[in-house]
Protein backbone atom coordinates (compact mmCIF):
# COMPACT_ATOMS: atom_id res chain seq x y z
CA MET A 1 -15.38 -1.29 -56.69
CA PRO A 2 -11.55 -1.20 -57.16
CA TYR A 3 -11.00 0.44 -53.76
CA LEU A 4 -13.30 -2.13 -52.11
CA VAL A 5 -11.33 -5.01 -53.64
CA GLY A 6 -8.08 -3.30 -52.61
CA ALA A 7 -9.30 -2.80 -49.05
CA ILE A 8 -10.40 -6.41 -48.63
CA LEU A 9 -7.17 -7.73 -50.16
CA ALA A 10 -5.05 -5.48 -47.92
CA ILE A 11 -6.95 -6.60 -44.81
CA LEU A 12 -6.50 -10.26 -45.83
CA LEU A 13 -2.76 -10.01 -46.51
CA LEU A 14 -2.01 -7.90 -43.43
CA GLY A 15 -4.17 -10.17 -41.30
CA LEU A 16 -2.24 -13.26 -42.43
CA LEU A 17 1.12 -11.52 -41.92
CA LEU A 18 0.28 -10.26 -38.44
CA ARG A 19 -1.15 -13.63 -37.43
CA LYS A 20 2.27 -15.10 -38.18
CA LEU A 21 3.67 -12.48 -35.79
CA ASN A 22 1.03 -13.41 -33.15
CA GLN A 23 -0.61 -10.00 -33.41
CA PRO A 24 -4.40 -9.52 -33.05
CA HIS A 25 -6.51 -8.80 -36.13
CA VAL A 26 -7.22 -5.31 -34.81
CA VAL A 27 -3.65 -4.26 -35.64
CA GLY A 28 -4.06 -5.44 -39.22
CA TYR A 29 -7.27 -3.47 -39.64
CA LEU A 30 -5.67 -0.30 -38.27
CA VAL A 31 -2.54 -0.63 -40.42
CA ALA A 32 -4.71 -1.30 -43.48
CA GLY A 33 -6.54 1.96 -42.81
CA VAL A 34 -3.27 3.89 -42.54
CA ILE A 35 -1.96 2.43 -45.81
CA LEU A 36 -5.17 2.71 -47.85
CA GLY A 37 -6.41 6.04 -46.49
CA PRO A 38 -6.10 9.56 -47.89
CA HIS A 39 -2.81 10.09 -46.00
CA GLY A 40 -1.34 6.83 -47.33
CA VAL A 41 -1.61 5.55 -50.91
CA ALA A 42 -5.08 7.17 -51.13
CA LEU A 43 -6.68 4.04 -52.59
CA VAL A 44 -9.71 4.71 -50.40
CA THR A 45 -10.77 8.35 -50.37
CA ASP A 46 -14.45 8.06 -49.43
CA ASP A 47 -13.65 8.11 -45.73
CA VAL A 48 -17.10 9.48 -44.83
CA THR A 49 -18.89 6.40 -46.14
CA LEU A 50 -16.32 4.12 -44.56
CA ALA A 51 -16.73 5.92 -41.23
CA ARG A 52 -20.48 5.32 -41.41
CA PHE A 53 -19.93 1.62 -41.98
CA GLY A 54 -17.43 1.72 -39.11
CA ALA A 55 -20.06 3.25 -36.83
CA ILE A 56 -22.29 0.27 -37.63
CA GLY A 57 -19.33 -1.93 -36.73
CA VAL A 58 -19.14 -0.48 -33.21
CA VAL A 59 -22.89 -0.98 -32.80
CA MET A 60 -22.62 -4.62 -33.91
CA LEU A 61 -19.61 -5.27 -31.67
CA LEU A 62 -21.34 -3.91 -28.57
CA PHE A 63 -24.53 -5.78 -29.52
CA PHE A 64 -22.66 -9.08 -29.55
CA ILE A 65 -20.82 -8.26 -26.32
CA GLY A 66 -24.15 -7.44 -24.68
CA MET A 67 -25.46 -10.91 -25.51
CA GLU A 68 -22.61 -12.42 -23.48
CA VAL A 69 -22.89 -10.14 -20.44
CA SER A 70 -24.57 -11.03 -17.17
CA PRO A 71 -26.52 -7.94 -15.99
CA LYS A 72 -26.33 -9.18 -12.40
CA LYS A 73 -22.52 -9.33 -12.50
CA LEU A 74 -22.46 -5.87 -14.06
CA ILE A 75 -24.59 -4.39 -11.27
CA ASP A 76 -22.59 -6.22 -8.59
CA ASN A 77 -19.46 -4.50 -9.97
CA TRP A 78 -20.87 -0.97 -9.52
CA LYS A 79 -18.14 0.12 -7.11
CA ILE A 80 -15.37 -0.34 -9.67
CA ALA A 81 -17.51 1.19 -12.41
CA VAL A 82 -18.54 4.33 -10.53
CA LEU A 83 -15.67 5.02 -8.13
CA GLY A 84 -12.98 3.79 -10.51
CA THR A 85 -14.19 5.86 -13.46
CA LEU A 86 -14.76 9.01 -11.39
CA ALA A 87 -11.30 8.77 -9.82
CA GLN A 88 -9.69 8.10 -13.19
CA ILE A 89 -11.26 11.17 -14.81
CA LEU A 90 -10.32 13.45 -11.90
CA ILE A 91 -6.73 12.18 -11.81
CA SER A 92 -6.41 12.58 -15.60
CA VAL A 93 -7.47 16.23 -15.36
CA ALA A 94 -5.09 16.72 -12.42
CA CYS A 95 -2.19 15.27 -14.46
CA VAL A 96 -2.87 17.69 -17.32
CA TRP A 97 -3.05 20.65 -14.93
CA PRO A 98 0.77 21.16 -14.45
CA LEU A 99 1.31 21.00 -18.23
CA GLY A 100 -1.51 23.50 -18.76
CA TRP A 101 -0.06 25.79 -16.11
CA LEU A 102 3.37 25.73 -17.78
CA MET A 103 1.84 26.35 -21.22
CA ASP A 104 -0.49 29.06 -19.87
CA TRP A 105 -3.61 27.19 -21.02
CA PRO A 106 -7.08 28.42 -20.02
CA LEU A 107 -9.03 26.27 -17.57
CA GLN A 108 -11.40 24.92 -20.22
CA ARG A 109 -8.52 23.59 -22.32
CA ILE A 110 -7.01 21.79 -19.33
CA ILE A 111 -10.35 20.17 -18.53
CA LEU A 112 -10.99 19.25 -22.18
CA ILE A 113 -7.60 17.55 -22.61
CA GLY A 114 -8.06 15.75 -19.28
CA PHE A 115 -11.44 14.47 -20.45
CA VAL A 116 -9.99 13.39 -23.81
CA ILE A 117 -7.22 11.24 -22.35
CA SER A 118 -9.47 9.74 -19.66
CA LEU A 119 -11.68 7.83 -22.13
CA SER A 120 -10.52 4.41 -23.31
CA SER A 121 -11.60 2.52 -26.42
CA THR A 122 -14.58 0.25 -25.83
CA ALA A 123 -14.25 -1.20 -29.34
CA VAL A 124 -10.52 -2.04 -29.14
CA VAL A 125 -10.53 -3.46 -25.61
CA LEU A 126 -13.67 -5.58 -25.91
CA LYS A 127 -12.52 -6.94 -29.27
CA LEU A 128 -9.22 -8.05 -27.71
CA LEU A 129 -10.93 -9.59 -24.67
CA GLN A 130 -13.32 -11.44 -26.93
CA ASP A 131 -10.53 -12.74 -29.20
CA TRP A 132 -8.47 -13.86 -26.21
CA LYS A 133 -11.51 -15.44 -24.47
CA GLU A 134 -10.90 -13.30 -21.36
CA PHE A 135 -14.25 -11.58 -21.41
CA ASP A 136 -15.63 -13.55 -18.43
CA SER A 137 -12.46 -13.20 -16.34
CA LYS A 138 -12.32 -10.92 -13.30
CA VAL A 139 -10.11 -8.47 -15.20
CA GLY A 140 -12.45 -8.58 -18.18
CA GLN A 141 -15.50 -7.81 -16.05
CA ASN A 142 -13.72 -4.94 -14.26
CA VAL A 143 -12.61 -3.42 -17.55
CA LEU A 144 -16.09 -3.81 -19.04
CA ALA A 145 -17.66 -2.02 -16.06
CA ILE A 146 -15.22 0.90 -16.39
CA LEU A 147 -15.69 1.18 -20.15
CA LEU A 148 -19.48 1.34 -19.86
CA ALA A 149 -19.22 3.93 -17.07
CA GLN A 150 -16.92 5.99 -19.31
CA ASP A 151 -19.52 5.84 -22.09
CA LEU A 152 -22.08 7.29 -19.67
CA ALA A 153 -19.54 9.84 -18.39
CA ILE A 154 -19.60 11.53 -21.80
CA ILE A 155 -22.90 13.12 -20.71
CA PRO A 156 -21.55 15.20 -17.78
CA MET A 157 -18.41 15.92 -19.82
CA LEU A 158 -20.46 17.55 -22.58
CA ILE A 159 -22.55 19.41 -20.01
CA ILE A 160 -19.39 20.80 -18.38
CA LEU A 161 -17.98 21.86 -21.75
CA ALA A 162 -21.31 23.52 -22.58
CA ALA A 163 -20.97 25.63 -19.44
CA PHE A 164 -17.86 27.27 -20.91
CA GLY A 165 -19.80 29.01 -23.65
CA ASP A 166 -22.68 28.96 -26.07
CA ASN A 167 -20.58 27.97 -29.06
CA THR A 168 -19.55 24.48 -27.94
CA GLY A 169 -22.15 22.83 -30.14
CA VAL A 170 -23.65 21.31 -26.98
CA GLU A 171 -27.11 22.48 -25.97
CA PRO A 172 -27.49 22.56 -22.17
CA THR A 173 -31.20 21.77 -22.57
CA ASN A 174 -30.24 18.39 -24.03
CA ALA A 175 -28.90 17.41 -20.61
CA VAL A 176 -32.43 16.57 -19.48
CA PHE A 177 -32.87 14.09 -22.35
CA GLN A 178 -29.44 12.59 -21.77
CA ILE A 179 -30.04 12.06 -18.05
CA PHE A 180 -33.51 10.67 -18.73
CA GLY A 181 -32.08 8.30 -21.33
CA ALA A 182 -29.36 7.17 -18.93
CA LEU A 183 -31.97 6.41 -16.25
CA ILE A 184 -33.97 4.33 -18.73
CA ILE A 185 -30.83 2.36 -19.64
CA VAL A 186 -30.13 1.65 -15.96
CA ALA A 187 -33.76 0.61 -15.43
CA ILE A 188 -33.64 -1.84 -18.36
CA VAL A 189 -30.43 -3.42 -17.09
CA ALA A 190 -31.90 -3.74 -13.58
CA HIS A 191 -35.08 -5.30 -15.00
CA ILE A 192 -33.10 -7.90 -16.96
CA ALA A 193 -31.00 -8.68 -13.87
CA ILE A 194 -34.13 -9.27 -11.78
CA LYS A 195 -36.24 -11.16 -14.33
CA ASN A 196 -33.26 -13.07 -15.81
CA THR A 197 -35.35 -14.03 -18.86
CA LEU A 198 -37.47 -12.07 -21.31
CA HIS A 199 -39.73 -12.62 -24.31
CA LEU A 200 -39.39 -10.39 -27.33
CA PRO A 201 -42.37 -8.44 -28.64
CA LEU A 202 -44.24 -10.45 -31.32
CA SER A 203 -42.35 -13.61 -30.25
CA LYS A 204 -45.57 -15.64 -30.21
CA LEU A 205 -46.55 -14.32 -33.63
CA ILE A 206 -43.10 -15.06 -35.08
CA GLY A 207 -43.08 -18.54 -33.58
CA ASN A 208 -40.26 -20.75 -34.91
CA ASP A 209 -39.54 -18.63 -37.98
CA ASN A 210 -35.76 -18.25 -37.64
CA GLU A 211 -35.44 -15.69 -40.43
CA MET A 212 -37.94 -13.37 -38.74
CA HIS A 213 -36.12 -13.83 -35.41
CA VAL A 214 -32.98 -12.41 -37.07
CA PHE A 215 -34.89 -9.30 -38.17
CA ALA A 216 -36.53 -9.03 -34.73
CA ALA A 217 -33.10 -9.08 -33.07
CA LEU A 218 -31.72 -6.49 -35.50
CA SER A 219 -34.79 -4.31 -34.94
CA VAL A 220 -34.14 -4.32 -31.19
CA CYS A 221 -30.43 -3.58 -31.72
CA LEU A 222 -30.79 -0.76 -34.24
CA GLY A 223 -33.98 0.61 -32.66
CA LEU A 224 -32.48 0.97 -29.20
CA SER A 225 -29.27 2.40 -30.72
CA LEU A 226 -31.38 4.99 -32.54
CA LEU A 227 -33.23 5.92 -29.35
CA THR A 228 -30.05 6.35 -27.30
CA GLY A 229 -28.53 8.37 -30.13
CA LEU A 230 -31.56 10.67 -30.24
CA ALA A 231 -31.30 11.07 -26.46
CA GLY A 232 -27.73 12.31 -26.82
CA LEU A 233 -26.16 9.07 -25.59
CA SER A 234 -23.82 6.68 -27.36
CA THR A 235 -25.51 4.54 -30.02
CA ALA A 236 -23.10 1.75 -29.03
CA LEU A 237 -24.47 1.89 -25.48
CA GLY A 238 -27.98 1.30 -26.80
CA ALA A 239 -26.70 -1.65 -28.86
CA PHE A 240 -25.03 -3.10 -25.77
CA VAL A 241 -28.28 -3.03 -23.79
CA ALA A 242 -30.12 -4.46 -26.82
CA GLY A 243 -27.63 -7.34 -26.79
CA MET A 244 -28.47 -8.04 -23.14
CA ILE A 245 -32.17 -8.07 -24.04
CA ILE A 246 -31.60 -10.55 -26.88
CA GLY A 247 -29.34 -12.63 -24.63
CA ALA A 248 -32.10 -12.85 -22.03
CA ALA A 249 -34.71 -13.80 -24.68
CA LYS A 250 -34.43 -17.58 -24.82
CA GLU A 251 -36.13 -17.87 -28.22
CA THR A 252 -33.21 -16.10 -29.95
CA HIS A 253 -30.23 -17.88 -28.37
CA TRP A 254 -28.94 -18.91 -31.82
CA VAL A 255 -28.97 -15.38 -33.31
CA HIS A 256 -25.35 -14.80 -32.26
CA GLN A 257 -24.03 -17.34 -34.78
CA SER A 258 -26.34 -16.15 -37.56
CA LEU A 259 -25.10 -12.54 -37.39
CA GLU A 260 -21.42 -13.29 -36.73
CA PRO A 261 -20.22 -12.66 -40.35
CA PHE A 262 -21.81 -9.19 -40.32
CA ARG A 263 -20.09 -8.36 -37.04
CA VAL A 264 -16.67 -9.38 -38.43
CA LEU A 265 -17.12 -7.25 -41.56
CA PHE A 266 -18.41 -4.08 -39.93
CA VAL A 267 -16.00 -4.20 -36.98
CA ALA A 268 -13.12 -4.50 -39.46
CA LEU A 269 -14.44 -1.46 -41.34
CA PHE A 270 -14.57 0.51 -38.09
CA PHE A 271 -10.90 -0.07 -37.35
CA VAL A 272 -9.94 0.62 -40.96
CA SER A 273 -11.77 3.97 -40.70
CA ILE A 274 -9.81 4.79 -37.53
CA GLY A 275 -6.53 4.00 -39.28
CA MET A 276 -7.48 6.34 -42.12
CA LEU A 277 -7.53 9.26 -39.66
CA VAL A 278 -3.76 9.00 -39.14
CA ASP A 279 -2.20 11.93 -41.02
CA LEU A 280 1.28 10.65 -41.81
CA SER A 281 2.56 14.02 -43.06
CA PHE A 282 1.48 15.79 -39.85
CA ILE A 283 3.07 13.07 -37.73
CA GLN A 284 6.28 13.19 -39.79
CA PHE A 285 6.54 16.96 -39.38
CA HIS A 286 5.75 16.92 -35.64
CA TRP A 287 7.13 13.46 -34.84
CA PHE A 288 8.87 14.43 -31.61
CA GLN A 289 5.88 16.19 -30.02
CA VAL A 290 3.48 13.47 -31.17
CA GLY A 291 5.77 10.70 -29.92
CA ILE A 292 6.19 12.26 -26.48
CA LEU A 293 2.44 12.85 -26.07
CA VAL A 294 1.56 9.32 -27.20
CA LEU A 295 4.08 7.83 -24.76
CA LEU A 296 2.84 10.01 -21.89
CA ALA A 297 -0.81 9.21 -22.62
CA VAL A 298 -0.30 5.43 -22.79
CA VAL A 299 1.93 5.24 -19.70
CA ALA A 300 -0.25 7.63 -17.68
CA ASN A 301 -3.48 5.78 -18.53
CA THR A 302 -1.87 2.44 -17.72
CA PHE A 303 -0.67 3.39 -14.25
CA ILE A 304 -3.59 5.65 -13.31
CA ASN A 305 -6.08 2.84 -13.95
CA ALA A 306 -3.80 0.22 -12.38
CA LEU A 307 -3.37 2.26 -9.19
CA ILE A 308 -7.10 2.91 -8.87
CA LEU A 309 -8.01 -0.77 -9.29
CA TYR A 310 -5.29 -1.75 -6.81
CA LEU A 311 -6.67 0.70 -4.24
CA LEU A 312 -10.14 -0.75 -4.84
CA GLY A 313 -8.93 -4.18 -3.74
CA GLU A 314 -7.54 -5.93 -6.83
CA ASN A 315 -4.10 -7.56 -6.79
CA TRP A 316 -1.31 -5.58 -8.43
CA ALA A 317 -0.68 -7.93 -11.38
CA ASP A 318 -4.35 -7.96 -12.45
CA SER A 319 -4.61 -4.22 -11.81
CA LEU A 320 -1.62 -3.52 -14.04
CA TYR A 321 -2.99 -5.75 -16.79
CA ALA A 322 -6.38 -4.01 -16.60
CA GLY A 323 -4.64 -0.64 -16.66
CA THR A 324 -2.77 -1.69 -19.79
CA LEU A 325 -6.02 -2.73 -21.45
CA LEU A 326 -7.35 0.77 -20.76
CA SER A 327 -4.15 2.53 -21.83
CA GLN A 328 -5.31 3.87 -25.21
CA ILE A 329 -7.45 6.96 -25.80
CA GLY A 330 -10.94 6.00 -26.96
CA GLU A 331 -12.97 6.67 -30.07
CA PHE A 332 -15.41 8.91 -28.18
CA SER A 333 -12.52 11.29 -27.51
CA PHE A 334 -12.82 12.25 -31.18
CA VAL A 335 -16.22 13.71 -30.27
CA LEU A 336 -14.74 15.77 -27.43
CA ALA A 337 -11.94 17.01 -29.70
CA ALA A 338 -14.53 18.11 -32.29
CA VAL A 339 -16.44 19.99 -29.58
CA GLY A 340 -13.18 21.61 -28.48
CA ILE A 341 -12.33 23.05 -31.89
CA GLN A 342 -15.93 24.20 -32.50
CA ALA A 343 -15.82 26.09 -29.21
CA HIS A 344 -12.32 27.47 -29.93
CA ILE A 345 -11.03 25.77 -26.79
CA ILE A 346 -8.22 24.29 -28.89
CA SER A 347 -6.65 25.61 -32.10
CA ASP A 348 -6.54 23.79 -35.43
CA TYR A 349 -2.99 22.67 -34.58
CA GLY A 350 -4.22 21.41 -31.22
CA TYR A 351 -7.05 19.53 -32.90
CA GLN A 352 -4.73 17.86 -35.43
CA MET A 353 -2.32 16.97 -32.63
CA THR A 354 -5.16 15.49 -30.57
CA ILE A 355 -6.41 13.40 -33.51
CA ALA A 356 -2.88 12.14 -34.19
CA VAL A 357 -2.30 11.16 -30.56
CA ILE A 358 -5.69 9.43 -30.23
CA SER A 359 -5.17 7.50 -33.48
CA LEU A 360 -1.64 6.39 -32.60
CA THR A 361 -2.62 5.21 -29.11
CA LEU A 362 -5.33 3.10 -30.75
CA LEU A 363 -2.76 1.77 -33.20
CA ILE A 364 -0.01 0.85 -30.73
CA SER A 365 -2.12 -0.25 -27.77
CA PRO A 366 -2.64 -3.88 -28.91
CA GLY A 367 1.13 -4.39 -29.06
CA TRP A 368 1.62 -2.68 -25.68
CA ILE A 369 -1.13 -4.84 -24.15
CA MET A 370 0.38 -8.04 -25.53
CA LEU A 371 3.84 -7.10 -24.20
CA VAL A 372 2.59 -6.41 -20.67
CA LYS A 373 0.37 -9.49 -20.78
CA HIS A 374 3.41 -11.64 -21.62
CA LEU A 375 5.53 -10.05 -18.88
CA LEU A 376 2.78 -10.57 -16.28
CA LYS A 377 1.79 -14.07 -17.42
CA ASN A 378 3.51 -16.08 -14.69
CA ARG A 379 2.65 -13.62 -11.92
CA ARG A 380 -1.02 -13.51 -12.89
CA ASN A 381 -1.15 -17.30 -12.97
CA VAL A 382 0.25 -17.39 -9.42
CA ASN A 383 -2.26 -14.83 -8.23
CA SER A 384 -5.17 -16.73 -9.75
CA LEU A 385 -4.43 -19.93 -7.81
């Protein structure tokens, strides 16, 4: 109980302080995690339980985002999603190649690090877009399409890593289930786009019972998340599709407001759990290497994504802003790093360095995004006229 009270109080005080500095709440959650975690004052040491609550937070966030998404717009944006994501992954690997060549890295390490830096944070970016009411903008829709494509790209990434050896922790036979699950997800999205409206199972039996509608919506969210998780896909991806299903079901249009407090709580816990991963002693000892890698990752991701979107027909100001939104390394890169150390593709030092770089890009990206957004404000307004 004391650590729970301390965590809530720290989030409240940091949130109020950072709001005075015009910083998003995400920054406060991350900083709270750094301070309270095992590498800070160690007020919160049960990071496993907190991480589990944080995982629920990602599911809830994507569930709410899904309720606001138009499946038709998502399908219409397939070119940016597919071509943009594929190009971004290939360019990321190509950028790591010269460094790997100089450091005499094996091929699998070069590919792994390229994969790690190519994934952006769905949770961070969508939370910022939602807070800034930019979710329905052209930039917001482009970024959403890329993020969802990246979530699906984890499947071929794991398959490729599995091809490097039997000790990656990735079973090649699971590829069939992953591909099958991905096809089902695409089919559901296409069905919602065509039908435009749906009725939930048992909707006639539930009738106007609002309390039961809440549990019906949660059952769809958690049930589909469970199924996608069992298929080897992201549980957050299943929650996103569940959100689109609930959004298309007219009888549950009010569910969004009813579940909002739970979303706020669990999303905050997710970002706190990410902040707790930051090992301050490791960063202090290797500050120069960590700083250089964080800077390179953020700048490279910004301009790689911006260039790709510009070549796909977007104006440069919007492309640069979208690239900045995608500049951090995502939470699913933690999964790839774990696979890398299990397969001995990276050493323990390499794993700790990777975790530090991922965590710090998540921590600093909101500030970087706000800076670029401010610098591009007038130019983006001109381009939107």
